[in-house]
C-alpha atoms as a PDB file:
ATOM      1  CA  MET A   1      -6.217  17.914  64.284  1.00  0.00           C
ATOM      2  CA  ASP A   2      -5.792  15.987  66.411  1.00  0.00           C
ATOM      3  CA  ILE A   3      -2.188  14.985  68.352  1.00  0.00           C
ATOM      4  CA  PHE A   4      -2.393  11.440  70.658  1.00  0.00           C
ATOM      5  CA  ARG A   5      -0.801   8.022  71.028  1.00  0.00           C
ATOM      6  CA  ALA A   6      -2.132   5.674  68.831  1.00  0.00           C
ATOM      7  CA  GLN A   7      -3.816   2.932  69.879  1.00  0.00           C
ATOM      8  CA  ASN A   8      -3.284   0.688  67.040  1.00  0.00           C
ATOM      9  CA  ALA A   9      -0.933   0.176  63.931  1.00  0.00           C
ATOM     10  CA  ALA A  10      -3.296   2.426  61.338  1.00  0.00           C
ATOM     11  CA  GLY A  11      -1.658   4.262  58.997  1.00  0.00           C
ATOM     12  CA  LEU A  12       1.421   3.468  60.990  1.00  0.00           C
ATOM     13  CA  THR A  13       3.324   2.269  57.834  1.00  0.00           C
ATOM     14  CA  ASP A  14       2.531   4.854  55.571  1.00  0.00           C
ATOM     15  CA  ILE A  15       3.999   7.336  57.998  1.00  0.00           C
ATOM     16  CA  ARG A  16       7.005   5.623  58.472  1.00  0.00           C
ATOM     17  CA  MET A  17       7.510   4.873  54.725  1.00  0.00           C
ATOM     18  CA  GLN A  18       6.598   8.949  54.142  1.00  0.00           C
ATOM     19  CA  TYR A  19       9.477   9.837  56.530  1.00  0.00           C
ATOM     20  CA  LEU A  20      12.233   7.064  55.093  1.00  0.00           C
ATOM     21  CA  LEU A  21      11.369   8.188  51.374  1.00  0.00           C
ATOM     22  CA  GLU A  22      12.269  11.573  52.249  1.00  0.00           C
ATOM     23  CA  ASP A  23      15.259  11.440  54.244  1.00  0.00           C
ATOM     24  CA  PHE A  24      16.700   7.982  52.558  1.00  0.00           C
ATOM     25  CA  PRO A  25      15.915   8.833  48.847  1.00  0.00           C
ATOM     26  CA  GLU A  26      18.658   6.507  47.465  1.00  0.00           C
ATOM     27  CA  MET A  27      16.461   3.850  49.023  1.00  0.00           C
ATOM     28  CA  THR A  28      15.906   1.495  46.337  1.00  0.00           C
ATOM     29  CA  ALA A  29      12.401   0.145  45.410  1.00  0.00           C
ATOM     30  CA  GLU A  30      13.020  -3.245  46.316  1.00  0.00           C
ATOM     31  CA  GLN A  31      14.466  -2.445  50.115  1.00  0.00           C
ATOM     32  CA  ALA A  32      11.344   0.173  50.045  1.00  0.00           C
ATOM     33  CA  GLU A  33       9.152  -3.033  50.016  1.00  0.00           C
ATOM     34  CA  HIS A  34      11.184  -4.678  52.520  1.00  0.00           C
ATOM     35  CA  ILE A  35      10.893  -1.905  55.005  1.00  0.00           C
ATOM     36  CA  ARG A  36       6.811  -2.123  54.251  1.00  0.00           C
ATOM     37  CA  GLU A  37       6.439  -5.820  54.424  1.00  0.00           C
ATOM     38  CA  LYS A  38       8.787  -5.752  58.206  1.00  0.00           C
ATOM     39  CA  LEU A  39       7.024  -2.420  59.422  1.00  0.00           C
ATOM     40  CA  PRO A  40       2.772  -4.503  60.329  1.00  0.00           C
ATOM     41  CA  GLU A  41       5.152  -7.475  62.077  1.00  0.00           C
ATOM     42  CA  TYR A  42       6.886  -5.006  64.373  1.00  0.00           C
ATOM     43  CA  TYR A  43       4.292  -3.096  64.942  1.00  0.00           C
ATOM     44  CA  ALA A  44       2.058  -6.118  66.468  1.00  0.00           C
ATOM     45  CA  GLU A  45       4.967  -7.141  68.402  1.00  0.00           C
ATOM     46  CA  HIS A  46       5.677  -3.630  70.355  1.00  0.00           C
ATOM     47  CA  LEU A  47       3.122  -1.380  69.545  1.00  0.00           C
ATOM     48  CA  ASN A  48       2.635   0.353  73.694  1.00  0.00           C
ATOM     49  CA  CYS A  49       4.876  -2.162  75.045  1.00  0.00           C
ATOM     50  CA  ASP A  50       8.509  -1.055  74.221  1.00  0.00           C
ATOM     51  CA  PHE A  51       7.815   1.231  70.780  1.00  0.00           C
ATOM     52  CA  PHE A  52       4.598   4.226  71.411  1.00  0.00           C
ATOM     53  CA  ALA A  53       3.935   6.059  67.935  1.00  0.00           C
ATOM     54  CA  TYR A  54       2.575  10.048  68.367  1.00  0.00           C
ATOM     55  CA  ILE A  55       0.245  11.016  65.872  1.00  0.00           C
ATOM     56  CA  ALA A  56      -0.717  13.658  64.465  1.00  0.00           C
ATOM     57  CA  GLU A  57      -3.854  13.494  62.224  1.00  0.00           C
ATOM     58  CA  ASP A  58      -6.231  15.904  60.215  1.00  0.00           C
ATOM     59  CA  ASN A  59      -9.858  14.206  59.370  1.00  0.00           C
ATOM     60  CA  GLY A  60      -8.424  10.999  60.375  1.00  0.00           C
ATOM     61  CA  THR A  61      -5.663  11.229  58.093  1.00  0.00           C
ATOM     62  CA  ILE A  62      -2.454  11.054  59.889  1.00  0.00           C
ATOM     63  CA  ILE A  63      -0.073  13.371  58.729  1.00  0.00           C
ATOM     64  CA  GLY A  64       2.917  13.508  61.242  1.00  0.00           C
ATOM     65  CA  SER A  65       4.039  11.389  63.728  1.00  0.00           C
ATOM     66  CA  ALA A  66       7.034  11.006  66.597  1.00  0.00           C
ATOM     67  CA  PHE A  67       8.205   7.293  67.517  1.00  0.00           C
ATOM     68  CA  LEU A  68       9.686   6.248  70.955  1.00  0.00           C
ATOM     69  CA  VAL A  69      11.603   3.580  71.349  1.00  0.00           C
ATOM     70  CA  LEU A  70      12.201   2.707  75.420  1.00  0.00           C
ATOM     71  CA  ILE A  71      15.753   1.180  76.252  1.00  0.00           C
ATOM     72  CA  GLU A  72      16.294  -0.930  79.799  1.00  0.00           C
ATOM     73  CA  MET A  73      19.805  -1.610  80.752  1.00  0.00           C
ATOM     74  CA  PRO A  74      21.194  -2.736  84.060  1.00  0.00           C
ATOM     75  CA  PRO A  75      20.647   0.660  85.832  1.00  0.00           C
ATOM     76  CA  ASN A  76      24.245   3.287  86.061  1.00  0.00           C
ATOM     77  CA  SER A  77      25.454   6.382  87.290  1.00  0.00           C
ATOM     78  CA  ASN A  78      23.943   7.608  83.636  1.00  0.00           C
ATOM     79  CA  PHE A  79      20.426   6.157  83.469  1.00  0.00           C
ATOM     80  CA  PRO A  80      19.937   4.772  87.341  1.00  0.00           C
ATOM     81  CA  ASN A  81      16.303   3.500  86.427  1.00  0.00           C
ATOM     82  CA  GLY A  82      17.888   1.705  82.888  1.00  0.00           C
ATOM     83  CA  LYS A  83      15.245   2.857  81.670  1.00  0.00           C
ATOM     84  CA  ILE A  84      16.387   5.359  78.265  1.00  0.00           C
ATOM     85  CA  GLY A  85      13.974   6.545  75.248  1.00  0.00           C
ATOM     86  CA  ASN A  86      15.250   6.723  71.342  1.00  0.00           C
ATOM     87  CA  VAL A  87      12.654   8.876  69.785  1.00  0.00           C
ATOM     88  CA  LEU A  88      12.758   8.230  66.112  1.00  0.00           C
ATOM     89  CA  ASN A  89      10.503   8.906  63.039  1.00  0.00           C
ATOM     90  CA  VAL A  90       9.696  12.730  63.764  1.00  0.00           C
ATOM     91  CA  TYR A  91       7.695  13.558  60.706  1.00  0.00           C
ATOM     92  CA  VAL A  92       5.229  16.177  59.186  1.00  0.00           C
ATOM     93  CA  ASN A  93       3.464  15.962  55.786  1.00  0.00           C
ATOM     94  CA  PRO A  94       5.337  19.161  54.251  1.00  0.00           C
ATOM     95  CA  GLN A  95       1.915  20.593  53.759  1.00  0.00           C
ATOM     96  CA  TYR A  96       1.726  20.752  57.120  1.00  0.00           C
ATOM     97  CA  ARG A  97       5.013  21.772  58.195  1.00  0.00           C
ATOM     98  CA  ARG A  98       6.066  24.595  59.949  1.00  0.00           C
ATOM     99  CA  GLN A  99       3.002  24.986  62.574  1.00  0.00           C
ATOM    100  CA  GLY A 100       3.755  23.551  65.617  1.00  0.00           C
ATOM    101  CA  ILE A 101       2.805  20.503  65.038  1.00  0.00           C
ATOM    102  CA  ALA A 102       6.340  17.735  64.754  1.00  0.00           C
ATOM    103  CA  LYS A 103       6.547  20.608  68.490  1.00  0.00           C
ATOM    104  CA  ALA A 104       2.923  19.727  70.231  1.00  0.00           C
ATOM    105  CA  LEU A 105       3.949  15.497  69.494  1.00  0.00           C
ATOM    106  CA  MET A 106       7.540  16.371  70.900  1.00  0.00           C
ATOM    107  CA  GLU A 107       5.903  17.626  73.998  1.00  0.00           C
ATOM    108  CA  LEU A 108       3.186  14.811  74.279  1.00  0.00           C
ATOM    109  CA  LEU A 109       6.128  12.629  73.998  1.00  0.00           C
ATOM    110  CA  ILE A 110       8.158  14.095  76.358  1.00  0.00           C
ATOM    111  CA  ALA A 111       5.477  13.842  78.830  1.00  0.00           C
ATOM    112  CA  ASP A 112       4.744  10.451  78.460  1.00  0.00           C
ATOM    113  CA  ALA A 113       8.815   9.738  78.938  1.00  0.00           C
ATOM    114  CA  LYS A 114       8.245  11.548  82.190  1.00  0.00           C
ATOM    115  CA  ASN A 115       5.489   9.312  82.936  1.00  0.00           C
ATOM    116  CA  MET A 116       7.176   6.016  82.259  1.00  0.00           C
ATOM    117  CA  SER A 117      10.196   6.725  84.638  1.00  0.00           C
ATOM    118  CA  LEU A 118      12.472   6.963  81.600  1.00  0.00           C
ATOM    119  CA  ASP A 119      16.527   8.462  82.701  1.00  0.00           C
ATOM    120  CA  TYR A 120      16.568  10.537  79.298  1.00  0.00           C
ATOM    121  CA  ILE A 121      15.526  10.533  75.699  1.00  0.00           C
ATOM    122  CA  GLU A 122      17.729  10.605  73.151  1.00  0.00           C
ATOM    123  CA  LEU A 123      17.642  11.729  68.815  1.00  0.00           C
ATOM    124  CA  LYS A 124      19.938  12.312  66.391  1.00  0.00           C
ATOM    125  CA  ALA A 125      18.848  15.732  65.088  1.00  0.00           C
ATOM    126  CA  SER A 126      18.264  16.449  61.487  1.00  0.00           C
ATOM    127  CA  SER A 127      19.422  20.710  60.396  1.00  0.00           C
ATOM    128  CA  ASP A 128      15.547  20.950  60.201  1.00  0.00           C
ATOM    129  CA  GLY A 129      15.267  19.461  63.429  1.00  0.00           C
ATOM    130  CA  TYR A 130      18.124  20.593  65.452  1.00  0.00           C
ATOM    131  CA  PRO A 131      16.464  24.096  66.677  1.00  0.00           C
ATOM    132  CA  LEU A 132      13.310  23.025  68.022  1.00  0.00           C
ATOM    133  CA  TYR A 133      15.180  20.311  69.484  1.00  0.00           C
ATOM    134  CA  LYS A 134      17.008  22.138  71.175  1.00  0.00           C
ATOM    135  CA  LYS A 135      13.944  24.598  72.148  1.00  0.00           C
ATOM    136  CA  LEU A 136      13.008  21.821  73.463  1.00  0.00           C
ATOM    137  CA  GLY A 137      15.585  21.195  76.308  1.00  0.00           C
ATOM    138  CA  PHE A 138      17.647  18.489  74.377  1.00  0.00           C
ATOM    139  CA  LYS A 139      21.340  18.971  74.535  1.00  0.00           C
ATOM    140  CA  GLU A 140      24.406  17.940  71.668  1.00  0.00           C
ATOM    141  CA  ASN A 141      25.886  14.501  73.532  1.00  0.00           C
ATOM    142  CA  VAL A 142      28.946  15.155  74.870  1.00  0.00           C
ATOM    143  CA  SER A 143      30.785  12.196  75.172  1.00  0.00           C
ATOM    144  CA  VAL A 144      34.571  10.118  75.887  1.00  0.00           C
ATOM    145  CA  PHE A 145      32.438   7.146  73.454  1.00  0.00           C
ATOM    146  CA  ARG A 146      32.824   6.905  70.563  1.00  0.00           C
ATOM    147  CA  PRO A 147      29.220   5.517  68.442  1.00  0.00           C
ATOM    148  CA  MET A 148      30.370   2.636  66.159  1.00  0.00           C
ATOM    149  CA  LYS A 149      28.364  -0.292  65.058  1.00  0.00           C
ATOM    150  CA  LEU A 150      28.622  -3.523  63.423  1.00  0.00           C
ATOM    151  CA  VAL A 151      26.272  -4.529  60.024  1.00  0.00           C
ATOM    152  CA  LEU A 152      26.176  -7.401  60.503  1.00  0.00           C
END
């Protein structure tokens, strides 16, 4: 088994769709097809610029992933370098789980984030992933600010 940072987009759409279909079972076939069509364009524009994909392969088949999206903002006291990362799509195929693959993917991602001089990385933890993230040093984010969004 090999774990590394992807240099091209081969297989990234499939592993993303596996993750999404498991995490969002209510997604319609039309929504899934729309997302599948948009992903190659996203990867072509962003891969290894402000989007990094860490993958685990077994005999040439991608069996796990972790994605890092870089966000650059004007610096402030919370992010003095003005660069943070958002972790997405930490996923391992069910038959490969509990073998340390997600941990290895995250350790590589964290090492790269440090080398990129990111101020911090953040993620939204599932109940399954929470213990791993705690072991890796992630802490719950407590803020006086409330997360909000406006769907457009």
